[in-house]
Amino acid sequence: MKIKTIVLILLLFPALIGCAAGQAATPSAGTPALEAAYIENKGSDTIVNLALAWAERYQELHSEIRISVTGGGSGTGIAALINGTVDIANASRQISPEEIKEAGAKGIKPVEFVIARDAIGVIVNPKNPVKQLTLPQISAIYKGEITNWKEVGGEDRPIVRLSRETNSGTHVYFLETVVRLGSSTDKSIFSPDTLLLPSSEGIIAEVRDNPNAIGYDGLGYITPEVKTLGVAKDDRSPFVLPSVATVNSNQYPIARDLYMYTGKPPEGAVKTYLDWILSPEAQKIVQELGFVPIK
């Protein structure tokens, strides 16, 4: 009997161990297990530094999450969203009706999130004596109707126009809001001799080194190496410099929302991340990088 009892105990022992291990691996009530996740985030070069700062901070708080952030322009991000290759697309302009239609044809239903605000500063070389311009003057410069700085109170020098490249959401926004002065029927384009540059940093560098240049850049990219002009809506309006205060008070005339898009209502790790982006902690980073918080 003793031998049979020992054999029975030995047979039951692995099962008892398995039960104990299974109980230990099960989270207690109210303590959800951490779920590893990878979030692909692509798009606007205006937003890319902000998105990188957010991702770095969020991963410090949530070690189980991995976030990949790349630029390439708003058009690139939205195209990737339409093709289903990213979780979140960054854009410094709104998605167009044509892009929404293309996305719908592929079963993608973009959802929009306003994640920050921005001002577009008009910048010149510090040696340029011009301090302010109206929107119609800036429009005429970029359409090639004004070609010399003396026409707007400056020295007798040719104007060198700088712009972001066409895939940039900032380029599209500036074209529609400034060059076309917000008119949906105006089909004006940039002057053919406008130099198209691939980055915000490139525009800063060219304006810094060229006394004849004029450019535009998001508020978060403007440095003391260039001079920011006061801008007026028209010749009857006050000239205003871009800042957090003048954007929030709707005084500065070239201000815009910044966006993130998902291909469907977000859920899981993507939803939790977007919720955090709209939190006071993440919006503090917005202001630290020179953009305008939405809260």
Protein backbone atom coordinates (compact mmCIF):
# COMPACT_ATOMS: atom_id res chain seq x y z
CA MET A 1 0.00 0.00 0.00
CA LYS A 2 2.81 2.35 0.78
CA ILE A 3 4.38 1.85 -2.65
CA LYS A 4 1.02 2.49 -4.39
CA THR A 5 0.54 5.64 -2.33
CA ILE A 6 3.99 6.96 -3.31
CA VAL A 7 3.34 6.20 -7.00
CA LEU A 8 -0.02 8.00 -6.85
CA ILE A 9 1.57 11.08 -5.29
CA LEU A 10 4.31 11.14 -7.94
CA LEU A 11 1.69 10.92 -10.71
CA LEU A 12 -0.36 13.78 -9.26
CA PHE A 13 2.60 16.08 -8.45
CA PRO A 14 3.14 17.51 -12.03
CA ALA A 15 -0.57 18.28 -12.30
CA LEU A 16 -0.52 20.10 -8.95
CA ILE A 17 2.51 22.13 -10.06
CA GLY A 18 0.76 23.03 -13.36
CA CYS A 19 -2.32 24.28 -11.51
CA ALA A 20 -0.21 26.41 -9.19
CA ALA A 21 1.72 27.89 -12.11
CA GLY A 22 -1.49 28.64 -13.97
CA GLN A 23 -2.90 30.47 -10.95
CA ALA A 24 0.29 32.52 -10.55
CA ALA A 25 0.26 33.62 -14.23
CA THR A 26 -3.32 34.87 -14.09
CA PRO A 27 -3.54 38.61 -13.23
CA SER A 28 -5.57 39.45 -10.19
CA ALA A 29 -8.91 41.15 -10.66
CA GLY A 30 -8.60 44.82 -11.56
CA THR A 31 -4.94 44.48 -12.70
CA PRO A 32 -4.90 44.19 -16.50
CA ALA A 33 -1.81 42.72 -18.12
CA LEU A 34 0.35 45.13 -20.16
CA GLU A 35 -0.14 44.62 -23.89
CA ALA A 36 2.83 45.22 -26.17
CA ALA A 37 2.04 47.38 -29.20
CA TYR A 38 3.76 49.03 -32.15
CA ILE A 39 2.42 52.34 -33.55
CA GLU A 40 3.49 53.59 -36.99
CA ASN A 41 3.28 57.40 -37.28
CA LYS A 42 4.20 59.27 -40.50
CA GLY A 43 3.65 62.55 -42.31
CA SER A 44 4.06 66.29 -41.84
CA ASP A 45 7.61 67.63 -41.51
CA THR A 46 6.15 70.54 -39.52
CA ILE A 47 4.88 68.12 -36.88
CA VAL A 48 7.74 65.59 -36.98
CA ASN A 49 9.84 67.11 -34.17
CA LEU A 50 6.76 67.43 -31.97
CA ALA A 51 5.70 63.88 -32.78
CA LEU A 52 9.20 62.61 -31.93
CA ALA A 53 9.14 64.43 -28.59
CA TRP A 54 5.72 62.98 -27.80
CA ALA A 55 6.79 59.46 -28.77
CA GLU A 56 9.95 59.64 -26.66
CA ARG A 57 8.07 60.83 -23.59
CA TYR A 58 5.22 58.37 -24.02
CA GLN A 59 7.61 55.41 -24.33
CA GLU A 60 9.26 56.49 -21.08
CA LEU A 61 5.85 56.20 -19.44
CA HIS A 62 4.84 53.00 -21.26
CA SER A 63 7.80 50.73 -21.90
CA GLU A 64 5.54 48.16 -23.59
CA ILE A 65 4.75 50.60 -26.45
CA ARG A 66 6.99 51.22 -29.46
CA ILE A 67 6.30 54.25 -31.67
CA SER A 68 7.97 54.85 -35.04
CA VAL A 69 7.90 58.47 -36.26
CA THR A 70 8.95 59.59 -39.75
CA GLY A 71 8.35 62.73 -41.84
CA GLY A 72 8.13 63.11 -45.59
CA GLY A 73 5.32 65.66 -45.74
CA SER A 74 1.59 65.73 -45.08
CA GLY A 75 0.85 64.24 -48.50
CA THR A 76 3.13 61.31 -47.77
CA GLY A 77 1.46 60.62 -44.44
CA ILE A 78 -2.06 60.81 -45.84
CA ALA A 79 -1.10 58.57 -48.78
CA ALA A 80 0.25 55.99 -46.33
CA LEU A 81 -3.00 56.20 -44.34
CA ILE A 82 -5.03 55.62 -47.50
CA ASN A 83 -2.83 52.61 -48.34
CA GLY A 84 -3.25 51.22 -44.82
CA THR A 85 0.46 51.25 -43.98
CA VAL A 86 0.38 53.59 -40.97
CA ASP A 87 -1.64 53.80 -37.77
CA ILE A 88 -1.51 57.62 -37.54
CA ALA A 89 -0.87 60.18 -40.28
CA ASN A 90 0.41 63.65 -39.32
CA ALA A 91 -0.76 66.60 -41.42
CA SER A 92 -0.31 70.36 -41.28
CA ARG A 93 -3.37 70.74 -43.51
CA GLN A 94 -6.78 69.13 -43.61
CA ILE A 95 -7.27 66.02 -45.67
CA SER A 96 -8.83 66.96 -49.01
CA PRO A 97 -12.21 65.74 -50.32
CA GLU A 98 -10.37 63.90 -53.09
CA GLU A 99 -8.21 62.08 -50.54
CA ILE A 100 -11.27 61.18 -48.46
CA LYS A 101 -12.93 59.74 -51.57
CA GLU A 102 -9.80 57.75 -52.47
CA ALA A 103 -9.59 56.42 -48.91
CA GLY A 104 -13.26 55.41 -48.95
CA ALA A 105 -12.72 53.40 -52.12
CA LYS A 106 -10.21 51.32 -50.16
CA GLY A 107 -12.41 50.91 -47.10
CA ILE A 108 -10.57 53.58 -45.10
CA LYS A 109 -12.66 56.16 -43.21
CA PRO A 110 -10.26 58.86 -41.94
CA VAL A 111 -10.91 60.24 -38.46
CA GLU A 112 -9.51 63.72 -37.73
CA PHE A 113 -7.87 64.95 -34.52
CA VAL A 114 -6.70 68.54 -33.96
CA ILE A 115 -3.57 68.06 -31.87
CA ALA A 116 -2.02 71.57 -31.79
CA ARG A 117 -2.11 74.96 -33.51
CA ASP A 118 0.57 76.79 -35.45
CA ALA A 119 1.36 80.17 -36.96
CA ILE A 120 3.15 80.58 -40.27
CA GLY A 121 5.78 83.28 -39.87
CA VAL A 122 6.96 85.28 -42.90
CA ILE A 123 10.73 85.68 -42.57
CA VAL A 124 13.52 87.72 -44.16
CA ASN A 125 17.23 88.22 -43.62
CA PRO A 126 18.06 90.37 -40.55
CA LYS A 127 19.81 92.91 -42.83
CA ASN A 128 16.59 93.53 -44.74
CA PRO A 129 15.08 96.85 -43.52
CA VAL A 130 11.50 95.73 -44.28
CA LYS A 131 9.66 95.03 -41.02
CA GLN A 132 6.08 94.35 -42.09
CA LEU A 133 3.90 93.37 -45.05
CA THR A 134 0.19 92.98 -45.74
CA LEU A 135 -1.26 89.69 -46.97
CA PRO A 136 -1.97 91.22 -50.43
CA GLN A 137 1.69 92.32 -50.65
CA ILE A 138 2.93 88.85 -49.70
CA SER A 139 0.55 87.32 -52.23
CA ALA A 140 1.83 89.65 -54.96
CA ILE A 141 5.44 88.80 -54.08
CA TYR A 142 4.86 85.07 -54.32
CA LYS A 143 2.86 85.38 -57.54
CA GLY A 144 5.75 87.31 -59.10
CA GLU A 145 3.85 90.61 -59.37
CA ILE A 146 6.24 92.34 -56.94
CA THR A 147 9.85 91.51 -57.82
CA ASN A 148 11.99 94.13 -56.04
CA TRP A 149 12.21 94.99 -52.35
CA LYS A 150 12.01 98.72 -53.13
CA GLU A 151 8.35 98.17 -54.13
CA VAL A 152 7.48 97.40 -50.50
CA GLY A 153 9.73 99.94 -48.75
CA GLY A 154 13.03 98.08 -48.91
CA GLU A 155 16.28 98.50 -50.81
CA ASP A 156 16.72 98.20 -54.57
CA ARG A 157 17.29 94.44 -54.55
CA PRO A 158 15.63 91.55 -56.38
CA ILE A 159 13.34 89.37 -54.26
CA VAL A 160 14.32 85.72 -53.91
CA ARG A 161 11.20 83.66 -53.08
CA LEU A 162 11.49 80.51 -51.00
CA SER A 163 8.79 77.90 -50.40
CA ARG A 164 8.39 74.39 -49.08
CA GLU A 165 8.02 71.73 -51.76
CA THR A 166 4.61 70.81 -53.13
CA ASN A 167 4.15 67.65 -51.02
CA SER A 168 4.30 69.80 -47.89
CA GLY A 169 1.08 70.63 -46.08
CA THR A 170 2.61 74.00 -45.21
CA HIS A 171 3.08 74.69 -48.95
CA VAL A 172 -0.57 73.85 -49.63
CA TYR A 173 -1.81 75.94 -46.71
CA PHE A 174 0.31 78.96 -47.70
CA LEU A 175 -0.84 78.67 -51.33
CA GLU A 176 -4.52 78.63 -50.38
CA THR A 177 -4.45 81.12 -47.50
CA VAL A 178 -1.80 83.63 -48.59
CA VAL A 179 -1.09 83.36 -52.32
CA ARG A 180 -4.79 82.92 -53.16
CA LEU A 181 -5.90 85.01 -50.14
CA GLY A 182 -8.40 82.35 -49.10
CA SER A 183 -10.42 82.52 -52.32
CA SER A 184 -11.71 79.16 -53.54
CA THR A 185 -12.09 80.54 -57.07
CA ASP A 186 -8.55 81.93 -57.31
CA LYS A 187 -6.28 79.52 -59.21
CA SER A 188 -3.06 81.51 -58.79
CA ILE A 189 0.16 79.55 -58.26
CA PHE A 190 3.61 80.35 -56.97
CA SER A 191 5.85 82.30 -59.33
CA PRO A 192 7.85 79.83 -61.47
CA ASP A 193 11.14 81.16 -60.10
CA THR A 194 10.18 80.30 -56.49
CA LEU A 195 12.82 78.02 -54.97
CA LEU A 196 11.23 74.90 -53.47
CA LEU A 197 13.11 73.54 -50.45
CA PRO A 198 12.57 70.14 -48.79
CA SER A 199 12.61 71.22 -45.14
CA SER A 200 11.77 73.98 -42.70
CA GLU A 201 15.39 74.04 -41.59
CA GLY A 202 16.46 74.55 -45.20
CA ILE A 203 14.32 77.68 -45.50
CA ILE A 204 15.77 79.10 -42.27
CA ALA A 205 19.32 78.47 -43.50
CA GLU A 206 18.72 80.10 -46.90
CA VAL A 207 17.03 83.19 -45.44
CA ARG A 208 19.83 83.52 -42.90
CA ASP A 209 22.47 83.52 -45.64
CA ASN A 210 20.67 85.45 -48.40
CA PRO A 211 19.84 89.17 -47.81
CA ASN A 212 17.38 89.12 -50.73
CA ALA A 213 15.34 86.11 -49.61
CA ILE A 214 11.81 85.84 -48.26
CA GLY A 215 10.42 82.63 -46.86
CA TYR A 216 7.82 81.21 -44.51
CA ASP A 217 7.99 78.66 -41.72
CA GLY A 218 6.04 77.21 -38.84
CA LEU A 219 6.42 79.12 -35.58
CA GLY A 220 8.20 76.20 -33.93
CA TYR A 221 11.03 76.31 -36.49
CA ILE A 222 11.79 80.04 -36.58
CA THR A 223 15.11 80.98 -34.95
CA PRO A 224 16.75 84.30 -33.99
CA GLU A 225 18.97 83.94 -37.09
CA VAL A 226 16.14 85.37 -39.23
CA LYS A 227 13.74 88.31 -38.91
CA THR A 228 10.02 87.66 -38.58
CA LEU A 229 7.77 90.22 -40.25
CA GLY A 230 4.61 91.73 -38.85
CA VAL A 231 1.66 90.75 -41.05
CA ALA A 232 -1.62 92.61 -41.58
CA LYS A 233 -4.76 91.21 -43.18
CA ASP A 234 -5.00 94.31 -45.40
CA ASP A 235 -3.85 97.94 -45.46
CA ARG A 236 -6.57 98.90 -42.96
CA SER A 237 -5.61 96.30 -40.35
CA PRO A 238 -2.87 96.33 -37.69
CA PHE A 239 0.44 94.54 -38.23
CA VAL A 240 0.81 91.56 -35.91
CA LEU A 241 3.75 89.29 -35.09
CA PRO A 242 3.11 85.54 -34.72
CA SER A 243 3.06 84.19 -31.15
CA VAL A 244 1.07 81.87 -28.92
CA ALA A 245 -0.90 84.87 -27.64
CA THR A 246 -1.73 86.33 -31.07
CA VAL A 247 -2.77 82.93 -32.41
CA ASN A 248 -5.06 82.23 -29.46
CA SER A 249 -6.60 85.70 -29.74
CA ASN A 250 -7.13 85.24 -33.51
CA GLN A 251 -5.12 88.41 -34.20
CA TYR A 252 -2.42 86.83 -36.34
CA PRO A 253 -3.84 86.22 -39.84
CA ILE A 254 -1.78 83.17 -40.88
CA ALA A 255 -2.64 80.59 -38.21
CA ARG A 256 -3.80 77.01 -38.64
CA ASP A 257 -4.66 73.78 -36.88
CA LEU A 258 -2.33 70.77 -36.94
CA TYR A 259 -3.81 67.31 -37.38
CA MET A 260 -3.44 63.60 -36.82
CA TYR A 261 -5.58 61.15 -38.79
CA THR A 262 -6.45 57.51 -38.20
CA GLY A 263 -8.01 55.22 -40.79
CA LYS A 264 -10.89 54.28 -38.48
CA PRO A 265 -12.11 55.21 -34.99
CA PRO A 266 -9.00 54.50 -32.87
CA GLU A 267 -8.96 51.72 -30.33
CA GLY A 268 -6.48 49.99 -28.07
CA ALA A 269 -2.96 51.43 -27.87
CA VAL A 270 -3.59 53.99 -30.63
CA LYS A 271 -6.62 55.43 -28.80
CA THR A 272 -4.76 55.56 -25.50
CA TYR A 273 -1.86 57.37 -27.18
CA LEU A 274 -4.10 59.93 -28.87
CA ASP A 275 -5.93 60.54 -25.59
CA TRP A 276 -2.55 61.25 -23.96
CA ILE A 277 -1.56 63.65 -26.79
CA LEU A 278 -4.59 65.78 -25.89
CA SER A 279 -3.69 65.74 -22.19
CA PRO A 280 -2.14 68.73 -20.33
CA GLU A 281 1.18 66.86 -20.04
CA ALA A 282 1.52 66.38 -23.81
CA GLN A 283 0.19 69.86 -24.61
CA LYS A 284 2.92 71.32 -22.40
CA ILE A 285 5.44 69.80 -24.83
CA VAL A 286 3.59 71.59 -27.65
CA GLN A 287 4.34 74.96 -26.06
CA GLU A 288 7.93 74.00 -25.19
CA LEU A 289 8.60 73.38 -28.90
CA GLY A 290 7.15 76.74 -29.96
CA PHE A 291 3.73 75.62 -31.16
CA VAL A 292 0.35 76.60 -29.73
CA PRO A 293 -1.43 74.22 -27.33
CA ILE A 294 -5.10 73.50 -27.98
CA LYS A 295 -5.88 73.51 -24.25
